[in-house]
Amino acid sequence: MIRISAFKWVPPFAQGVVRDLRVRWALEEAGLPYEEMLIDPQAQASTDYRELQPFGQVPVFEEEGLALFESGAIVFHIASRNEVLLPRDEAGRARAITWMFAALNSIEIHVQQLAEIDLFAPDKEWAKLHRPDVEKAVRRRLKELAVRLGDREYLEGRFTAGDLLMTTVLRILRHTDLLDSEPTLKAYKERCEARPAFQRALAAQMKPFEARGA
């Protein structure tokens, strides 16, 4: 049985965007059953967990003696086993993998920087000075992505792991109204989020948080 690690609880601003969501979604799309290992800060800092994840993050993926960390790498591992997430033809597969890297390197690096300023340092003077440039970079990337998407339903015409990762990156902007300026991207994100596999993954992540009442 596949097992993934996830947090027992995170603050409301992080609920629904913790990166185990990516792995849960990939597993749901691939039709692979899994169980969760919920961890708290004490477990997160333990030697045993650091053997699995040297940086103490989530998720960790375990299956038959194989342990993986880094959500993008785990999604790729899952996608490699399922045609729903990665096309079997060589060119289609290569393009989908390119979008996986683009989501994590060309888009998320800017989006995450903005989120860290807004959520962790909004009142810091350095953040106030730096934020306009960061937002400008995010807006530029969003516009470029929207142009490339055009009138396609998905980035490569059909849903792939590239869309999965891109959607989870765009969700990080939910505390802003930046996607409102790119209605094509907003509709794309909502279309991906409407997939039943995503809805199951999100419900599974939220379940332990909701059980705690906050």
C-alpha atoms as a PDB file:
ATOM      1  CA  MET A   1       0.000   0.000   0.000  1.00  0.00           C
ATOM      2  CA  ILE A   2       1.227   3.480  -0.846  1.00  0.00           C
ATOM      3  CA  ARG A   3       1.622   5.755   2.159  1.00  0.00           C
ATOM      4  CA  ILE A   4       2.060   9.518   2.117  1.00  0.00           C
ATOM      5  CA  SER A   5       2.815  11.908   4.949  1.00  0.00           C
ATOM      6  CA  ALA A   6       0.690  14.953   5.695  1.00  0.00           C
ATOM      7  CA  PHE A   7       0.227  17.390   8.540  1.00  0.00           C
ATOM      8  CA  LYS A   8      -2.319  16.799  11.285  1.00  0.00           C
ATOM      9  CA  TRP A   9      -3.024  20.510  11.279  1.00  0.00           C
ATOM     10  CA  VAL A  10      -1.886  23.734   9.634  1.00  0.00           C
ATOM     11  CA  PRO A  11      -3.187  27.318   9.991  1.00  0.00           C
ATOM     12  CA  PRO A  12      -6.236  28.201   7.879  1.00  0.00           C
ATOM     13  CA  PHE A  13      -4.182  30.163   5.331  1.00  0.00           C
ATOM     14  CA  ALA A  14      -2.322  26.951   4.425  1.00  0.00           C
ATOM     15  CA  GLN A  15      -5.233  24.539   4.451  1.00  0.00           C
ATOM     16  CA  GLY A  16      -5.955  23.338   0.944  1.00  0.00           C
ATOM     17  CA  VAL A  17      -2.560  24.269  -0.462  1.00  0.00           C
ATOM     18  CA  VAL A  18      -0.133  22.053   1.476  1.00  0.00           C
ATOM     19  CA  ARG A  19       1.862  20.122  -1.085  1.00  0.00           C
ATOM     20  CA  ASP A  20       0.602  16.680  -0.153  1.00  0.00           C
ATOM     21  CA  LEU A  21      -2.485  17.816  -2.096  1.00  0.00           C
ATOM     22  CA  ARG A  22      -0.499  17.403  -5.319  1.00  0.00           C
ATOM     23  CA  VAL A  23       0.362  13.831  -4.512  1.00  0.00           C
ATOM     24  CA  ARG A  24      -3.140  12.956  -3.328  1.00  0.00           C
ATOM     25  CA  TRP A  25      -4.533  14.389  -6.579  1.00  0.00           C
ATOM     26  CA  ALA A  26      -2.094  12.427  -8.735  1.00  0.00           C
ATOM     27  CA  LEU A  27      -2.951   9.219  -6.899  1.00  0.00           C
ATOM     28  CA  GLU A  28      -6.663   9.885  -7.318  1.00  0.00           C
ATOM     29  CA  GLU A  29      -6.264  10.550 -11.056  1.00  0.00           C
ATOM     30  CA  ALA A  30      -4.232   7.358 -11.402  1.00  0.00           C
ATOM     31  CA  GLY A  31      -6.725   5.324  -9.387  1.00  0.00           C
ATOM     32  CA  LEU A  32      -4.075   4.230  -6.885  1.00  0.00           C
ATOM     33  CA  PRO A  33      -5.211   3.650  -3.284  1.00  0.00           C
ATOM     34  CA  TYR A  34      -3.123   5.094  -0.491  1.00  0.00           C
ATOM     35  CA  GLU A  35      -3.059   5.690   3.220  1.00  0.00           C
ATOM     36  CA  GLU A  36      -1.935   8.812   5.025  1.00  0.00           C
ATOM     37  CA  MET A  37       0.571   9.207   7.817  1.00  0.00           C
ATOM     38  CA  LEU A  38      -0.391  12.340   9.733  1.00  0.00           C
ATOM     39  CA  ILE A  39       2.505  14.030  11.503  1.00  0.00           C
ATOM     40  CA  ASP A  40       2.831  16.779  14.096  1.00  0.00           C
ATOM     41  CA  PRO A  41       5.819  19.092  14.717  1.00  0.00           C
ATOM     42  CA  GLN A  42       7.440  16.560  17.056  1.00  0.00           C
ATOM     43  CA  ALA A  43       7.310  13.803  14.451  1.00  0.00           C
ATOM     44  CA  GLN A  44       8.397  16.262  11.781  1.00  0.00           C
ATOM     45  CA  ALA A  45      11.589  16.979  13.700  1.00  0.00           C
ATOM     46  CA  SER A  46      12.340  13.348  14.569  1.00  0.00           C
ATOM     47  CA  THR A  47      15.374  11.484  13.297  1.00  0.00           C
ATOM     48  CA  ASP A  48      13.181   8.795  11.767  1.00  0.00           C
ATOM     49  CA  TYR A  49      11.217  11.299   9.699  1.00  0.00           C
ATOM     50  CA  ARG A  50      14.341  13.191   8.662  1.00  0.00           C
ATOM     51  CA  GLU A  51      15.679   9.922   7.271  1.00  0.00           C
ATOM     52  CA  LEU A  52      12.719   9.959   4.894  1.00  0.00           C
ATOM     53  CA  GLN A  53      12.607  13.729   4.304  1.00  0.00           C
ATOM     54  CA  PRO A  54      15.885  15.491   5.134  1.00  0.00           C
ATOM     55  CA  PHE A  55      14.186  18.902   5.252  1.00  0.00           C
ATOM     56  CA  GLY A  56      11.299  17.806   7.444  1.00  0.00           C
ATOM     57  CA  GLN A  57       8.653  18.760   4.887  1.00  0.00           C
ATOM     58  CA  VAL A  58       5.606  16.948   3.547  1.00  0.00           C
ATOM     59  CA  PRO A  59       4.833  14.886   1.655  1.00  0.00           C
ATOM     60  CA  VAL A  60       6.879  11.732   1.866  1.00  0.00           C
ATOM     61  CA  PHE A  61       5.860   8.902  -0.458  1.00  0.00           C
ATOM     62  CA  GLU A  62       6.506   5.301   0.573  1.00  0.00           C
ATOM     63  CA  GLU A  63       5.810   2.118  -1.358  1.00  0.00           C
ATOM     64  CA  GLU A  64       7.424  -1.303  -1.061  1.00  0.00           C
ATOM     65  CA  GLY A  65      10.666  -0.011   0.406  1.00  0.00           C
ATOM     66  CA  LEU A  66      10.879   3.038  -1.869  1.00  0.00           C
ATOM     67  CA  ALA A  67      10.777   6.411  -0.118  1.00  0.00           C
ATOM     68  CA  LEU A  68      10.568   9.640  -2.108  1.00  0.00           C
ATOM     69  CA  PHE A  69      10.336  13.293  -1.168  1.00  0.00           C
ATOM     70  CA  GLU A  70       9.663  16.533  -3.097  1.00  0.00           C
ATOM     71  CA  SER A  71       6.110  16.782  -4.409  1.00  0.00           C
ATOM     72  CA  GLY A  72       7.115  17.353  -8.026  1.00  0.00           C
ATOM     73  CA  ALA A  73       9.321  14.267  -8.077  1.00  0.00           C
ATOM     74  CA  ILE A  74       6.589  12.190  -6.462  1.00  0.00           C
ATOM     75  CA  VAL A  75       3.969  13.373  -8.948  1.00  0.00           C
ATOM     76  CA  PHE A  76       6.339  12.502 -11.786  1.00  0.00           C
ATOM     77  CA  HIS A  77       6.871   9.027 -10.321  1.00  0.00           C
ATOM     78  CA  ILE A  78       3.123   8.461 -10.128  1.00  0.00           C
ATOM     79  CA  ALA A  79       2.474   9.987 -13.541  1.00  0.00           C
ATOM     80  CA  SER A  80       5.077   7.758 -15.157  1.00  0.00           C
ATOM     81  CA  ARG A  81       2.873   4.804 -14.292  1.00  0.00           C
ATOM     82  CA  ASN A  82      -0.373   6.165 -15.674  1.00  0.00           C
ATOM     83  CA  GLU A  83      -1.423   7.438 -19.096  1.00  0.00           C
ATOM     84  CA  VAL A  84      -4.020   9.761 -17.562  1.00  0.00           C
ATOM     85  CA  LEU A  85      -1.190  11.961 -16.282  1.00  0.00           C
ATOM     86  CA  LEU A  86       1.519  11.428 -18.895  1.00  0.00           C
ATOM     87  CA  PRO A  87       0.820  10.551 -22.545  1.00  0.00           C
ATOM     88  CA  ARG A  88       2.526   7.430 -23.823  1.00  0.00           C
ATOM     89  CA  ASP A  89       3.686   8.990 -27.086  1.00  0.00           C
ATOM     90  CA  GLU A  90       7.210  10.360 -26.712  1.00  0.00           C
ATOM     91  CA  ALA A  91       6.503  13.903 -27.872  1.00  0.00           C
ATOM     92  CA  GLY A  92       3.358  14.301 -25.787  1.00  0.00           C
ATOM     93  CA  ARG A  93       5.115  12.918 -22.726  1.00  0.00           C
ATOM     94  CA  ALA A  94       8.053  15.302 -23.188  1.00  0.00           C
ATOM     95  CA  ARG A  95       5.754  18.312 -23.507  1.00  0.00           C
ATOM     96  CA  ALA A  96       3.796  17.351 -20.397  1.00  0.00           C
ATOM     97  CA  ILE A  97       7.018  16.972 -18.416  1.00  0.00           C
ATOM     98  CA  THR A  98       8.122  20.393 -19.663  1.00  0.00           C
ATOM     99  CA  TRP A  99       4.951  21.907 -18.186  1.00  0.00           C
ATOM    100  CA  MET A 100       5.629  20.155 -14.890  1.00  0.00           C
ATOM    101  CA  PHE A 101       8.999  21.880 -14.703  1.00  0.00           C
ATOM    102  CA  ALA A 102       7.511  25.179 -15.869  1.00  0.00           C
ATOM    103  CA  ALA A 103       4.918  25.118 -13.092  1.00  0.00           C
ATOM    104  CA  LEU A 104       7.540  24.601 -10.403  1.00  0.00           C
ATOM    105  CA  ASN A 105      10.333  26.753 -11.810  1.00  0.00           C
ATOM    106  CA  SER A 106       8.904  29.488 -14.032  1.00  0.00           C
ATOM    107  CA  ILE A 107       5.690  30.165 -12.126  1.00  0.00           C
ATOM    108  CA  GLU A 108       5.854  28.905  -8.539  1.00  0.00           C
ATOM    109  CA  ILE A 109       9.132  30.606  -7.719  1.00  0.00           C
ATOM    110  CA  HIS A 110       7.456  34.011  -8.181  1.00  0.00           C
ATOM    111  CA  VAL A 111       4.066  33.045  -6.759  1.00  0.00           C
ATOM    112  CA  GLN A 112       5.579  31.593  -3.613  1.00  0.00           C
ATOM    113  CA  GLN A 113       7.715  34.662  -3.054  1.00  0.00           C
ATOM    114  CA  LEU A 114       4.617  36.843  -3.156  1.00  0.00           C
ATOM    115  CA  ALA A 115       2.741  34.529  -0.787  1.00  0.00           C
ATOM    116  CA  GLU A 116       5.596  34.551   1.710  1.00  0.00           C
ATOM    117  CA  ILE A 117       5.628  38.347   1.745  1.00  0.00           C
ATOM    118  CA  ASP A 118       1.864  38.641   2.116  1.00  0.00           C
ATOM    119  CA  LEU A 119       1.364  35.888   4.666  1.00  0.00           C
ATOM    120  CA  PHE A 120       4.509  36.086   6.777  1.00  0.00           C
ATOM    121  CA  ALA A 121       5.948  39.593   6.513  1.00  0.00           C
ATOM    122  CA  PRO A 122       3.263  42.056   5.365  1.00  0.00           C
ATOM    123  CA  ASP A 123       4.276  44.707   7.904  1.00  0.00           C
ATOM    124  CA  LYS A 124       8.024  44.463   7.397  1.00  0.00           C
ATOM    125  CA  GLU A 125       9.575  47.474   5.720  1.00  0.00           C
ATOM    126  CA  TRP A 126      11.688  45.358   3.372  1.00  0.00           C
ATOM    127  CA  ALA A 127       8.558  43.486   2.288  1.00  0.00           C
ATOM    128  CA  LYS A 128       6.653  46.680   1.540  1.00  0.00           C
ATOM    129  CA  LEU A 129       9.551  47.897  -0.588  1.00  0.00           C
ATOM    130  CA  HIS A 130      10.009  44.600  -2.400  1.00  0.00           C
ATOM    131  CA  ARG A 131       6.393  43.577  -2.947  1.00  0.00           C
ATOM    132  CA  PRO A 132       5.618  45.773  -6.002  1.00  0.00           C
ATOM    133  CA  ASP A 133       8.458  44.185  -7.961  1.00  0.00           C
ATOM    134  CA  VAL A 134       7.406  40.687  -6.922  1.00  0.00           C
ATOM    135  CA  GLU A 135       3.786  41.312  -7.887  1.00  0.00           C
ATOM    136  CA  LYS A 136       4.924  42.713 -11.223  1.00  0.00           C
ATOM    137  CA  ALA A 137       6.897  39.527 -11.879  1.00  0.00           C
ATOM    138  CA  VAL A 138       3.885  37.373 -10.994  1.00  0.00           C
ATOM    139  CA  ARG A 139       1.597  39.365 -13.264  1.00  0.00           C
ATOM    140  CA  ARG A 140       4.069  39.049 -16.129  1.00  0.00           C
ATOM    141  CA  ARG A 141       4.270  35.282 -15.726  1.00  0.00           C
ATOM    142  CA  LEU A 142       0.487  34.959 -15.486  1.00  0.00           C
ATOM    143  CA  LYS A 143      -0.002  36.942 -18.670  1.00  0.00           C
ATOM    144  CA  GLU A 144       2.585  34.846 -20.494  1.00  0.00           C
ATOM    145  CA  LEU A 145       0.919  31.664 -19.310  1.00  0.00           C
ATOM    146  CA  ALA A 146      -2.515  32.931 -20.350  1.00  0.00           C
ATOM    147  CA  VAL A 147      -1.235  33.751 -23.839  1.00  0.00           C
ATOM    148  CA  ARG A 148       0.193  30.259 -24.193  1.00  0.00           C
ATOM    149  CA  LEU A 149      -2.978  28.603 -22.916  1.00  0.00           C
ATOM    150  CA  GLY A 150      -5.116  30.572 -25.351  1.00  0.00           C
ATOM    151  CA  ASP A 151      -8.451  28.892 -25.929  1.00  0.00           C
ATOM    152  CA  ARG A 152      -7.197  25.426 -25.023  1.00  0.00           C
ATOM    153  CA  GLU A 153      -9.022  23.493 -22.331  1.00  0.00           C
ATOM    154  CA  TYR A 154      -5.692  22.334 -20.898  1.00  0.00           C
ATOM    155  CA  LEU A 155      -2.064  23.276 -21.540  1.00  0.00           C
ATOM    156  CA  GLU A 156      -1.541  20.479 -24.058  1.00  0.00           C
ATOM    157  CA  GLY A 157      -5.152  20.089 -25.084  1.00  0.00           C
ATOM    158  CA  ARG A 158      -5.724  17.212 -22.680  1.00  0.00           C
ATOM    159  CA  PHE A 159      -5.209  17.029 -18.929  1.00  0.00           C
ATOM    160  CA  THR A 160      -1.723  15.967 -17.814  1.00  0.00           C
ATOM    161  CA  ALA A 161       0.487  16.139 -14.757  1.00  0.00           C
ATOM    162  CA  GLY A 162       1.578  19.545 -16.050  1.00  0.00           C
ATOM    163  CA  ASP A 163      -1.940  20.869 -15.505  1.00  0.00           C
ATOM    164  CA  LEU A 164      -2.082  19.219 -12.092  1.00  0.00           C
ATOM    165  CA  LEU A 165       1.032  20.979 -10.848  1.00  0.00           C
ATOM    166  CA  MET A 166       0.177  24.268 -12.547  1.00  0.00           C
ATOM    167  CA  THR A 167      -3.233  24.339 -10.870  1.00  0.00           C
ATOM    168  CA  THR A 168      -1.753  23.750  -7.423  1.00  0.00           C
ATOM    169  CA  VAL A 169       0.654  26.628  -8.046  1.00  0.00           C
ATOM    170  CA  LEU A 170      -2.107  28.994  -9.150  1.00  0.00           C
ATOM    171  CA  ARG A 171      -4.085  28.093  -6.023  1.00  0.00           C
ATOM    172  CA  ILE A 172      -1.361  29.692  -3.918  1.00  0.00           C
ATOM    173  CA  LEU A 173      -2.623  33.056  -5.206  1.00  0.00           C
ATOM    174  CA  ARG A 174      -6.041  32.580  -3.631  1.00  0.00           C
ATOM    175  CA  HIS A 175      -5.350  35.304  -1.042  1.00  0.00           C
ATOM    176  CA  THR A 176      -5.033  37.816  -3.914  1.00  0.00           C
ATOM    177  CA  ASP A 177      -7.197  38.942  -6.833  1.00  0.00           C
ATOM    178  CA  LEU A 178      -4.415  38.561  -9.387  1.00  0.00           C
ATOM    179  CA  LEU A 179      -6.157  35.822 -11.335  1.00  0.00           C
ATOM    180  CA  ASP A 180      -9.148  38.102 -11.867  1.00  0.00           C
ATOM    181  CA  SER A 181      -7.039  40.059 -14.333  1.00  0.00           C
ATOM    182  CA  GLU A 182      -6.478  36.874 -16.355  1.00  0.00           C
ATOM    183  CA  PRO A 183      -9.962  35.354 -16.756  1.00  0.00           C
ATOM    184  CA  THR A 184      -8.642  32.659 -19.086  1.00  0.00           C
ATOM    185  CA  LEU A 185      -6.349  31.370 -16.346  1.00  0.00           C
ATOM    186  CA  LYS A 186      -9.009  31.705 -13.680  1.00  0.00           C
ATOM    187  CA  ALA A 187     -11.403  29.585 -15.734  1.00  0.00           C
ATOM    188  CA  TYR A 188      -8.611  27.083 -16.425  1.00  0.00           C
ATOM    189  CA  LYS A 189      -7.849  26.710 -12.725  1.00  0.00           C
ATOM    190  CA  GLU A 190     -11.514  26.275 -11.872  1.00  0.00           C
ATOM    191  CA  ARG A 191     -11.905  23.709 -14.646  1.00  0.00           C
ATOM    192  CA  CYS A 192      -9.035  21.661 -13.235  1.00  0.00           C
ATOM    193  CA  GLU A 193     -10.355  22.008  -9.689  1.00  0.00           C
ATOM    194  CA  ALA A 194     -13.740  20.690 -10.844  1.00  0.00           C
ATOM    195  CA  ARG A 195     -12.211  17.324 -11.715  1.00  0.00           C
ATOM    196  CA  PRO A 196     -13.579  14.624  -9.375  1.00  0.00           C
ATOM    197  CA  ALA A 197     -10.070  13.431  -8.536  1.00  0.00           C
ATOM    198  CA  PHE A 198      -9.121  16.901  -7.307  1.00  0.00           C
ATOM    199  CA  GLN A 199     -12.266  17.159  -5.221  1.00  0.00           C
ATOM    200  CA  ARG A 200     -11.504  13.828  -3.544  1.00  0.00           C
ATOM    201  CA  ALA A 201      -7.899  14.853  -2.888  1.00  0.00           C
ATOM    202  CA  LEU A 202      -8.913  18.195  -1.392  1.00  0.00           C
ATOM    203  CA  ALA A 203     -11.551  16.591   0.833  1.00  0.00           C
ATOM    204  CA  ALA A 204      -8.988  14.077   2.094  1.00  0.00           C
ATOM    205  CA  GLN A 205      -6.477  16.797   2.959  1.00  0.00           C
ATOM    206  CA  MET A 206      -9.086  18.927   4.688  1.00  0.00           C
ATOM    207  CA  LYS A 207     -10.626  16.101   6.728  1.00  0.00           C
ATOM    208  CA  PRO A 208      -8.156  16.141   9.658  1.00  0.00           C
ATOM    209  CA  PHE A 209      -8.197  19.953   9.758  1.00  0.00           C
ATOM    210  CA  GLU A 210     -11.974  20.034   9.873  1.00  0.00           C
ATOM    211  CA  ALA A 211     -11.995  17.402  12.609  1.00  0.00           C
ATOM    212  CA  ARG A 212     -10.061  19.823  14.794  1.00  0.00           C
ATOM    213  CA  GLY A 213     -12.576  22.538  14.110  1.00  0.00           C
ATOM    214  CA  ALA A 214     -10.159  25.095  12.660  1.00  0.00           C
END
